[in-house]
C-alpha atoms as a PDB file:
ATOM      1  CA  MET A   1     107.039  93.351  93.127  1.00  0.00           C
ATOM      2  CA  ARG A   2     108.723  95.725  95.307  1.00  0.00           C
ATOM      3  CA  SER A   3     112.409  96.328  94.834  1.00  0.00           C
ATOM      4  CA  ALA A   4     112.757  98.781  97.546  1.00  0.00           C
ATOM      5  CA  THR A   5     112.151  99.222 101.175  1.00  0.00           C
ATOM      6  CA  PRO A   6     109.435 101.184 102.543  1.00  0.00           C
ATOM      7  CA  ASP A   7     111.599 104.089 103.622  1.00  0.00           C
ATOM      8  CA  THR A   8     113.886 104.477 100.773  1.00  0.00           C
ATOM      9  CA  PRO A   9     113.979 108.004  99.565  1.00  0.00           C
ATOM     10  CA  PHE A  10     112.959 108.627  96.041  1.00  0.00           C
ATOM     11  CA  SER A  11     115.719 109.746  93.680  1.00  0.00           C
ATOM     12  CA  ALA A  12     114.169 112.612  91.400  1.00  0.00           C
ATOM     13  CA  ILE A  13     114.775 113.185  87.621  1.00  0.00           C
ATOM     14  CA  ILE A  14     114.035 116.851  86.412  1.00  0.00           C
ATOM     15  CA  MET A  15     113.548 116.593  82.722  1.00  0.00           C
ATOM     16  CA  ALA A  16     115.117 120.383  81.657  1.00  0.00           C
ATOM     17  CA  ALA A  17     115.576 120.209  78.046  1.00  0.00           C
ATOM     18  CA  ASP A  18     113.492 122.049  75.691  1.00  0.00           C
ATOM     19  CA  ARG A  19     111.176 119.418  73.630  1.00  0.00           C
ATOM     20  CA  ASN A  20     111.264 121.623  70.550  1.00  0.00           C
ATOM     21  CA  PRO A  21     114.023 124.064  69.115  1.00  0.00           C
ATOM     22  CA  GLY A  22     112.579 127.680  69.163  1.00  0.00           C
ATOM     23  CA  ASP A  23     110.217 127.048  72.127  1.00  0.00           C
ATOM     24  CA  PRO A  24     107.841 130.084  72.283  1.00  0.00           C
ATOM     25  CA  VAL A  25     108.035 130.438  75.943  1.00  0.00           C
ATOM     26  CA  THR A  26     112.104 130.455  75.665  1.00  0.00           C
ATOM     27  CA  ARG A  27     112.059 133.018  72.835  1.00  0.00           C
ATOM     28  CA  ALA A  28     109.425 135.106  75.132  1.00  0.00           C
ATOM     29  CA  ALA A  29     111.563 135.110  78.058  1.00  0.00           C
ATOM     30  CA  GLY A  30     114.611 135.791  76.193  1.00  0.00           C
ATOM     31  CA  VAL A  31     116.481 132.761  77.908  1.00  0.00           C
ATOM     32  CA  ALA A  32     118.865 129.706  76.492  1.00  0.00           C
ATOM     33  CA  CYS A  33     116.126 127.253  77.468  1.00  0.00           C
ATOM     34  CA  LYS A  34     112.328 127.201  78.788  1.00  0.00           C
ATOM     35  CA  ALA A  35     113.523 125.719  82.447  1.00  0.00           C
ATOM     36  CA  LEU A  36     115.561 129.407  82.925  1.00  0.00           C
ATOM     37  CA  ALA A  37     112.159 131.294  82.042  1.00  0.00           C
ATOM     38  CA  PRO A  38     111.653 133.470  85.173  1.00  0.00           C
ATOM     39  CA  VAL A  39     108.274 132.997  86.986  1.00  0.00           C
ATOM     40  CA  GLY A  40     108.009 135.207  90.155  1.00  0.00           C
ATOM     41  CA  GLY A  41     111.340 136.359  89.539  1.00  0.00           C
ATOM     42  CA  THR A  42     113.100 132.761  89.731  1.00  0.00           C
ATOM     43  CA  PRO A  43     113.843 130.392  86.812  1.00  0.00           C
ATOM     44  CA  MET A  44     111.424 127.542  86.894  1.00  0.00           C
ATOM     45  CA  VAL A  45     113.936 124.837  87.146  1.00  0.00           C
ATOM     46  CA  PHE A  46     114.950 126.538  90.509  1.00  0.00           C
ATOM     47  CA  ARG A  47     111.135 126.377  91.886  1.00  0.00           C
ATOM     48  CA  VAL A  48     111.294 122.627  90.959  1.00  0.00           C
ATOM     49  CA  LEU A  49     114.788 122.045  92.587  1.00  0.00           C
ATOM     50  CA  HIS A  50     113.440 123.781  95.688  1.00  0.00           C
ATOM     51  CA  ALA A  51     110.218 121.960  96.244  1.00  0.00           C
ATOM     52  CA  LEU A  52     112.040 118.499  95.469  1.00  0.00           C
ATOM     53  CA  GLU A  53     114.429 119.765  98.289  1.00  0.00           C
ATOM     54  CA  GLU A  54     111.649 120.331 100.593  1.00  0.00           C
ATOM     55  CA  SER A  55     109.980 117.080 100.170  1.00  0.00           C
ATOM     56  CA  LEU A  56     110.289 114.564 102.849  1.00  0.00           C
ATOM     57  CA  GLU A  57     110.299 111.763 100.408  1.00  0.00           C
ATOM     58  CA  VAL A  58     112.953 112.538  97.884  1.00  0.00           C
ATOM     59  CA  GLY A  59     116.729 112.401  98.577  1.00  0.00           C
ATOM     60  CA  THR A  60     118.996 112.858  95.664  1.00  0.00           C
ATOM     61  CA  ARG A  61     118.102 115.214  92.524  1.00  0.00           C
ATOM     62  CA  LEU A  62     119.255 114.650  88.960  1.00  0.00           C
ATOM     63  CA  LEU A  63     118.805 117.359  86.270  1.00  0.00           C
ATOM     64  CA  CYS A  64     118.288 115.621  82.743  1.00  0.00           C
ATOM     65  CA  GLY A  65     119.386 118.775  80.611  1.00  0.00           C
ATOM     66  CA  PRO A  66     119.553 121.187  79.647  1.00  0.00           C
ATOM     67  CA  PRO A  67     122.407 120.834  77.196  1.00  0.00           C
ATOM     68  CA  GLN A  68     126.034 121.562  78.450  1.00  0.00           C
ATOM     69  CA  PRO A  69     126.477 124.491  76.346  1.00  0.00           C
ATOM     70  CA  VAL A  70     123.535 126.077  78.231  1.00  0.00           C
ATOM     71  CA  LEU A  71     124.442 124.795  81.518  1.00  0.00           C
ATOM     72  CA  GLU A  72     127.678 126.311  81.089  1.00  0.00           C
ATOM     73  CA  GLN A  73     126.128 129.806  80.451  1.00  0.00           C
ATOM     74  CA  ALA A  74     123.457 129.332  83.590  1.00  0.00           C
ATOM     75  CA  THR A  75     126.376 130.075  86.023  1.00  0.00           C
ATOM     76  CA  LEU A  76     123.968 129.715  89.248  1.00  0.00           C
ATOM     77  CA  LEU A  77     122.540 126.322  87.940  1.00  0.00           C
ATOM     78  CA  LYS A  78     126.176 125.026  86.958  1.00  0.00           C
ATOM     79  CA  SER A  79     127.116 126.059  90.732  1.00  0.00           C
ATOM     80  CA  GLY A  80     124.537 123.715  92.229  1.00  0.00           C
ATOM     81  CA  VAL A  81     125.987 120.787  89.694  1.00  0.00           C
ATOM     82  CA  ASP A  82     129.527 121.509  90.427  1.00  0.00           C
ATOM     83  CA  THR A  83     128.891 121.700  94.480  1.00  0.00           C
ATOM     84  CA  GLY A  84     127.041 118.661  94.185  1.00  0.00           C
ATOM     85  CA  ASN A  85     123.634 119.931  95.377  1.00  0.00           C
ATOM     86  CA  TYR A  86     122.118 117.981  92.678  1.00  0.00           C
ATOM     87  CA  GLY A  87     123.552 115.943  89.904  1.00  0.00           C
ATOM     88  CA  TRP A  88     123.355 116.585  85.944  1.00  0.00           C
ATOM     89  CA  THR A  89     123.139 114.669  82.850  1.00  0.00           C
ATOM     90  CA  ASP A  90     122.993 115.723  79.097  1.00  0.00           C
ATOM     91  CA  SER A  91     119.438 115.428  77.439  1.00  0.00           C
ATOM     92  CA  CYS A  92     119.189 112.776  74.272  1.00  0.00           C
ATOM     93  CA  GLU A  93     117.403 113.333  71.206  1.00  0.00           C
ATOM     94  CA  SER A  94     113.999 112.791  72.777  1.00  0.00           C
ATOM     95  CA  PRO A  95     112.182 113.105  76.029  1.00  0.00           C
ATOM     96  CA  SER A  96     111.698 109.171  76.077  1.00  0.00           C
ATOM     97  CA  ALA A  97     115.266 108.734  75.316  1.00  0.00           C
ATOM     98  CA  SER A  98     116.564 111.239  77.941  1.00  0.00           C
ATOM     99  CA  ALA A  99     114.244 109.506  80.479  1.00  0.00           C
ATOM    100  CA  ALA A 100     115.782 106.087  79.976  1.00  0.00           C
ATOM    101  CA  ALA A 101     119.430 107.391  79.904  1.00  0.00           C
ATOM    102  CA  ALA A 102     118.818 109.257  83.233  1.00  0.00           C
ATOM    103  CA  LEU A 103     116.931 106.066  84.936  1.00  0.00           C
ATOM    104  CA  ALA A 104     120.046 104.091  83.745  1.00  0.00           C
ATOM    105  CA  GLN A 105     122.564 106.226  86.048  1.00  0.00           C
ATOM    106  CA  LEU A 106     120.108 105.552  89.136  1.00  0.00           C
ATOM    107  CA  PRO A 107     120.252 102.278  91.269  1.00  0.00           C
ATOM    108  CA  GLU A 108     117.361  99.868  90.265  1.00  0.00           C
ATOM    109  CA  SER A 109     116.667  99.148  93.765  1.00  0.00           C
ATOM    110  CA  GLN A 110     115.640 102.910  94.388  1.00  0.00           C
ATOM    111  CA  PRO A 111     112.104 104.427  93.355  1.00  0.00           C
ATOM    112  CA  VAL A 112     112.533 107.057  91.187  1.00  0.00           C
ATOM    113  CA  LEU A 113     110.178 110.450  90.699  1.00  0.00           C
ATOM    114  CA  LEU A 114     110.248 111.928  87.249  1.00  0.00           C
ATOM    115  CA  THR A 115     108.936 115.318  86.691  1.00  0.00           C
ATOM    116  CA  THR A 116     109.989 118.515  84.366  1.00  0.00           C
ATOM    117  CA  ALA A 117     111.373 121.677  84.665  1.00  0.00           C
ATOM    118  CA  ASP A 118     108.239 123.600  83.542  1.00  0.00           C
ATOM    119  CA  HIS A 119     105.948 122.455  86.652  1.00  0.00           C
ATOM    120  CA  ALA A 120     106.312 125.976  88.154  1.00  0.00           C
ATOM    121  CA  LEU A 121     103.582 125.578  90.577  1.00  0.00           C
ATOM    122  CA  LEU A 122     104.944 122.138  92.044  1.00  0.00           C
ATOM    123  CA  SER A 123     105.144 122.004  95.836  1.00  0.00           C
ATOM    124  CA  SER A 124     106.549 119.863  98.418  1.00  0.00           C
ATOM    125  CA  GLN A 125     102.947 119.033  99.536  1.00  0.00           C
ATOM    126  CA  ILE A 126     102.288 117.752  95.977  1.00  0.00           C
ATOM    127  CA  ILE A 127     105.188 115.674  95.783  1.00  0.00           C
ATOM    128  CA  ASP A 128     105.009 114.064  99.223  1.00  0.00           C
ATOM    129  CA  TYR A 129     101.046 113.053  98.488  1.00  0.00           C
ATOM    130  CA  PHE A 130     101.978 111.755  95.439  1.00  0.00           C
ATOM    131  CA  CYS A 131     104.853 109.747  96.495  1.00  0.00           C
ATOM    132  CA  GLY A 132     103.145 108.496  99.690  1.00  0.00           C
ATOM    133  CA  GLN A 133     100.497 107.029  97.216  1.00  0.00           C
ATOM    134  CA  ALA A 134     103.041 105.391  95.006  1.00  0.00           C
ATOM    135  CA  ARG A 135     104.459 103.509  98.227  1.00  0.00           C
ATOM    136  CA  THR A 136     101.118 102.293  99.479  1.00  0.00           C
ATOM    137  CA  ALA A 137     100.063 100.983  96.154  1.00  0.00           C
ATOM    138  CA  ASP A 138     100.995  97.394  94.734  1.00  0.00           C
ATOM    139  CA  VAL A 139     102.282  98.822  91.189  1.00  0.00           C
ATOM    140  CA  ASP A 140     105.401  99.029  89.234  1.00  0.00           C
ATOM    141  CA  LEU A 141     104.775 102.747  87.824  1.00  0.00           C
ATOM    142  CA  MET A 142     102.301 105.063  89.057  1.00  0.00           C
ATOM    143  CA  VAL A 143     101.282 108.081  87.286  1.00  0.00           C
ATOM    144  CA  ALA A 144      99.557 111.450  88.649  1.00  0.00           C
ATOM    145  CA  LEU A 145      96.272 112.531  87.682  1.00  0.00           C
ATOM    146  CA  ALA A 146      94.107 115.550  88.585  1.00  0.00           C
ATOM    147  CA  PRO A 147      90.222 115.753  87.986  1.00  0.00           C
ATOM    148  CA  HIS A 148      89.548 118.130  84.975  1.00  0.00           C
ATOM    149  CA  ASP A 149      86.891 119.635  86.555  1.00  0.00           C
ATOM    150  CA  LEU A 150      88.931 120.886  89.683  1.00  0.00           C
ATOM    151  CA  VAL A 151      91.674 122.192  87.172  1.00  0.00           C
ATOM    152  CA  ALA A 152      88.923 123.837  85.040  1.00  0.00           C
ATOM    153  CA  THR A 153      87.624 125.573  88.174  1.00  0.00           C
ATOM    154  CA  ALA A 154      90.673 126.753  89.425  1.00  0.00           C
ATOM    155  CA  TYR A 155      92.105 127.880  86.246  1.00  0.00           C
ATOM    156  CA  PRO A 156      89.176 128.163  83.761  1.00  0.00           C
ATOM    157  CA  SER A 157      91.495 130.032  80.971  1.00  0.00           C
ATOM    158  CA  MET A 158      94.192 127.503  80.838  1.00  0.00           C
ATOM    159  CA  LYS A 159      93.782 124.885  77.981  1.00  0.00           C
ATOM    160  CA  ARG A 160      94.926 121.359  79.104  1.00  0.00           C
ATOM    161  CA  THR A 161      94.318 118.105  77.175  1.00  0.00           C
ATOM    162  CA  ARG A 162      91.561 116.237  78.773  1.00  0.00           C
ATOM    163  CA  LEU A 163      91.517 112.422  79.257  1.00  0.00           C
ATOM    164  CA  ARG A 164      87.941 111.500  78.813  1.00  0.00           C
ATOM    165  CA  PHE A 165      86.637 108.342  80.791  1.00  0.00           C
ATOM    166  CA  SER A 166      83.242 106.897  81.523  1.00  0.00           C
ATOM    167  CA  ASP A 167      83.848 107.642  85.415  1.00  0.00           C
ATOM    168  CA  ARG A 168      85.607 111.057  85.376  1.00  0.00           C
ATOM    169  CA  ASP A 169      87.731 113.130  82.977  1.00  0.00           C
ATOM    170  CA  TYR A 170      91.218 113.772  84.303  1.00  0.00           C
ATOM    171  CA  CYS A 171      94.393 116.015  83.463  1.00  0.00           C
ATOM    172  CA  SER A 172      97.820 114.554  83.588  1.00  0.00           C
ATOM    173  CA  CYS A 173     100.244 116.144  86.031  1.00  0.00           C
ATOM    174  CA  ASN A 174     103.825 115.132  84.734  1.00  0.00           C
ATOM    175  CA  LEU A 175     104.584 113.266  87.743  1.00  0.00           C
ATOM    176  CA  PHE A 176     105.629 109.617  87.678  1.00  0.00           C
ATOM    177  CA  ALA A 177     107.213 107.274  90.005  1.00  0.00           C
ATOM    178  CA  PHE A 178     109.115 104.170  89.079  1.00  0.00           C
ATOM    179  CA  MET A 179     108.930 101.656  91.932  1.00  0.00           C
ATOM    180  CA  THR A 180     110.320  98.798  90.357  1.00  0.00           C
ATOM    181  CA  PRO A 181     112.910  97.883  87.856  1.00  0.00           C
ATOM    182  CA  ARG A 182     110.333  96.451  85.546  1.00  0.00           C
ATOM    183  CA  ALA A 183     108.870  99.869  85.304  1.00  0.00           C
ATOM    184  CA  ARG A 184     111.701 101.382  83.763  1.00  0.00           C
ATOM    185  CA  ALA A 185     110.517  99.569  80.355  1.00  0.00           C
ATOM    186  CA  ILE A 186     108.154 102.035  80.020  1.00  0.00           C
ATOM    187  CA  THR A 187     110.568 104.460  78.304  1.00  0.00           C
ATOM    188  CA  GLY A 188     110.222 102.120  75.197  1.00  0.00           C
ATOM    189  CA  PHE A 189     106.486 102.565  75.188  1.00  0.00           C
ATOM    190  CA  TRP A 190     106.826 106.283  75.503  1.00  0.00           C
ATOM    191  CA  SER A 191     109.099 106.419  72.673  1.00  0.00           C
ATOM    192  CA  LYS A 192     106.081 105.243  70.484  1.00  0.00           C
ATOM    193  CA  VAL A 193     103.638 107.591  71.752  1.00  0.00           C
ATOM    194  CA  GLU A 194     105.104 110.865  72.685  1.00  0.00           C
ATOM    195  CA  SER A 195     104.428 112.469  69.503  1.00  0.00           C
ATOM    196  CA  GLN A 196     100.795 111.801  70.313  1.00  0.00           C
ATOM    197  CA  ARG A 197     100.548 113.353  73.615  1.00  0.00           C
ATOM    198  CA  LYS A 198      98.091 115.784  72.723  1.00  0.00           C
ATOM    199  CA  ARG A 199      96.030 112.627  70.914  1.00  0.00           C
ATOM    200  CA  PRO A 200      95.181 110.429  73.752  1.00  0.00           C
ATOM    201  CA  TRP A 201      92.626 108.545  71.680  1.00  0.00           C
ATOM    202  CA  ARG A 202      95.762 107.498  69.469  1.00  0.00           C
ATOM    203  CA  VAL A 203      97.639 106.281  72.563  1.00  0.00           C
ATOM    204  CA  ILE A 204      94.769 104.434  73.967  1.00  0.00           C
ATOM    205  CA  GLY A 205      94.596 102.984  70.226  1.00  0.00           C
ATOM    206  CA  ILE A 206      97.552 101.366  70.633  1.00  0.00           C
ATOM    207  CA  LEU A 207      95.981  98.896  72.925  1.00  0.00           C
ATOM    208  CA  GLY A 208      93.476  97.788  70.009  1.00  0.00           C
ATOM    209  CA  TRP A 209      90.658  99.268  68.264  1.00  0.00           C
ATOM    210  CA  TRP A 210      87.914  98.203  70.824  1.00  0.00           C
ATOM    211  CA  PRO A 211      89.369 100.199  73.487  1.00  0.00           C
ATOM    212  CA  VAL A 212      89.539 103.407  71.359  1.00  0.00           C
ATOM    213  CA  PHE A 213      85.978 102.930  70.281  1.00  0.00           C
ATOM    214  CA  ARG A 214      85.074 102.641  73.723  1.00  0.00           C
ATOM    215  CA  TYR A 215      86.861 105.624  74.447  1.00  0.00           C
ATOM    216  CA  LEU A 216      85.485 107.817  71.900  1.00  0.00           C
ATOM    217  CA  LEU A 217      82.266 106.875  72.898  1.00  0.00           C
ATOM    218  CA  GLY A 218      82.637 107.519  76.472  1.00  0.00           C
ATOM    219  CA  TYR A 219      82.355 103.965  77.512  1.00  0.00           C
ATOM    220  CA  LEU A 220      85.886 103.173  78.799  1.00  0.00           C
ATOM    221  CA  SER A 221      86.777 103.692  82.332  1.00  0.00           C
ATOM    222  CA  LEU A 222      90.188 104.780  83.922  1.00  0.00           C
ATOM    223  CA  GLU A 223      90.493 101.400  85.749  1.00  0.00           C
ATOM    224  CA  GLU A 224      89.689  99.524  82.307  1.00  0.00           C
ATOM    225  CA  ALA A 225      92.690 101.403  80.503  1.00  0.00           C
ATOM    226  CA  LEU A 226      95.172 100.865  83.333  1.00  0.00           C
ATOM    227  CA  GLY A 227      94.221  97.413  83.310  1.00  0.00           C
ATOM    228  CA  ARG A 228      94.559  96.829  79.479  1.00  0.00           C
ATOM    229  CA  LEU A 229      98.102  98.992  79.526  1.00  0.00           C
ATOM    230  CA  SER A 230      99.283  96.924  82.358  1.00  0.00           C
ATOM    231  CA  ARG A 231      98.647  93.701  80.307  1.00  0.00           C
ATOM    232  CA  ARG A 232     100.049  95.090  77.192  1.00  0.00           C
ATOM    233  CA  LEU A 233     103.173  96.325  79.027  1.00  0.00           C
ATOM    234  CA  ASP A 234     103.562  93.554  81.380  1.00  0.00           C
ATOM    235  CA  MET A 235     103.808  95.760  84.519  1.00  0.00           C
ATOM    236  CA  LYS A 236     101.223  96.706  87.012  1.00  0.00           C
ATOM    237  CA  ILE A 237     100.336 100.557  86.310  1.00  0.00           C
ATOM    238  CA  GLY A 238      98.309 102.567  88.817  1.00  0.00           C
ATOM    239  CA  ALA A 239      97.090 106.276  89.106  1.00  0.00           C
ATOM    240  CA  ALA A 240      97.115 108.382  92.027  1.00  0.00           C
ATOM    241  CA  ILE A 241      94.204 110.933  91.647  1.00  0.00           C
ATOM    242  CA  LEU A 242      95.820 114.373  93.379  1.00  0.00           C
ATOM    243  CA  PRO A 243      93.418 116.899  95.108  1.00  0.00           C
ATOM    244  CA  TYR A 244      95.491 119.666  93.890  1.00  0.00           C
ATOM    245  CA  ALA A 245      94.616 121.593  90.642  1.00  0.00           C
ATOM    246  CA  GLU A 246      98.279 122.908  90.462  1.00  0.00           C
ATOM    247  CA  ALA A 247      99.504 119.645  89.927  1.00  0.00           C
ATOM    248  CA  ALA A 248      98.173 119.679  86.321  1.00  0.00           C
ATOM    249  CA  VAL A 249      99.903 123.126  85.868  1.00  0.00           C
ATOM    250  CA  ASP A 250     103.125 122.812  83.457  1.00  0.00           C
ATOM    251  CA  VAL A 251     104.305 125.949  80.986  1.00  0.00           C
ATOM    252  CA  ASP A 252     103.530 124.645  77.516  1.00  0.00           C
ATOM    253  CA  SER A 253     102.793 128.142  75.967  1.00  0.00           C
ATOM    254  CA  ILE A 254     102.921 131.754  76.693  1.00  0.00           C
ATOM    255  CA  HIS A 255      99.438 131.980  78.078  1.00  0.00           C
ATOM    256  CA  ASP A 256     100.655 129.350  80.564  1.00  0.00           C
ATOM    257  CA  TRP A 257     103.775 131.243  81.507  1.00  0.00           C
ATOM    258  CA  GLN A 258     101.667 134.168  81.924  1.00  0.00           C
ATOM    259  CA  LEU A 259      99.030 132.280  84.186  1.00  0.00           C
ATOM    260  CA  VAL A 260     101.756 130.920  86.488  1.00  0.00           C
ATOM    261  CA  GLN A 261     103.207 134.349  87.223  1.00  0.00           C
ATOM    262  CA  GLN A 262      99.610 135.649  87.687  1.00  0.00           C
ATOM    263  CA  VAL A 263      98.907 132.831  90.144  1.00  0.00           C
ATOM    264  CA  LEU A 264     102.033 133.393  92.248  1.00  0.00           C
ATOM    265  CA  ALA A 265     101.537 137.121  92.210  1.00  0.00           C
ATOM    266  CA  GLU A 266      98.116 136.655  93.532  1.00  0.00           C
ATOM    267  CA  LYS A 267      99.686 134.519  96.397  1.00  0.00           C
ATOM    268  CA  LYS A 268     102.384 136.949  96.940  1.00  0.00           C
ATOM    269  CA  SER A 269     104.786 134.037  96.779  1.00  0.00           C
ATOM    270  CA  PRO A 270     108.450 135.020  97.455  1.00  0.00           C
ATOM    271  CA  GLY A 271     111.114 133.862  95.053  1.00  0.00           C
ATOM    272  CA  GLN A 272     112.864 130.657  96.305  1.00  0.00           C
ATOM    273  CA  SER A 273     116.416 129.863  96.226  1.00  0.00           C
ATOM    274  CA  VAL A 274     118.314 126.754  95.918  1.00  0.00           C
END
């Protein structure tokens, strides 16, 4: 199943284009795109780039977005591209199409880590833990999840979509590891379900009515859901359960943006440069 040697560094893709025009965080921050919204005085995208740079698992970094006109105006971000510190490719009409286009620019023999520019609390520790779990698992695709109770305890005011399974509830973490060429076909499935990302029962319903009934009744386990999805997509999909509540924090709303600034202020975290 594996196409990469155990010590092959991950290439990282950072999704950095706005999902929707008129994003509320973009407007509130007064920036050209959400990735540039400052957190602790540093644009979110730079925090993600810095975490990836500090990771022991990651080699090259590729920004997918922001669009060319925005990049040209973001002097510091463009400088990093021009000097070869990280790459850039334009975004497409949807996140799934953007991911597919970015993946196509990377060698199939190389494992790929995909994350988002609004992952403002991402750290090299989280990245290395997740990538290490992906390397040791016999999977094509690894997704990151955090226990919902862990996240809710750490950030009680934050609203996160809860994935309810019979064994435990989880939150997604916007971290995906493509370990084999076969995994890249997931972008086709992604395009069918991305509009339902806040309605997990509809995503599970793609697997058939019986699994969705079991999900709604609380009888579907995470293992069963992953098994059914793996068979449906003809690839082996696994989940890494992360012990970090901050791994489930991304900036989807103004409240999230305010929360991550508060968290960093409490930690007295200095701004990072890239």
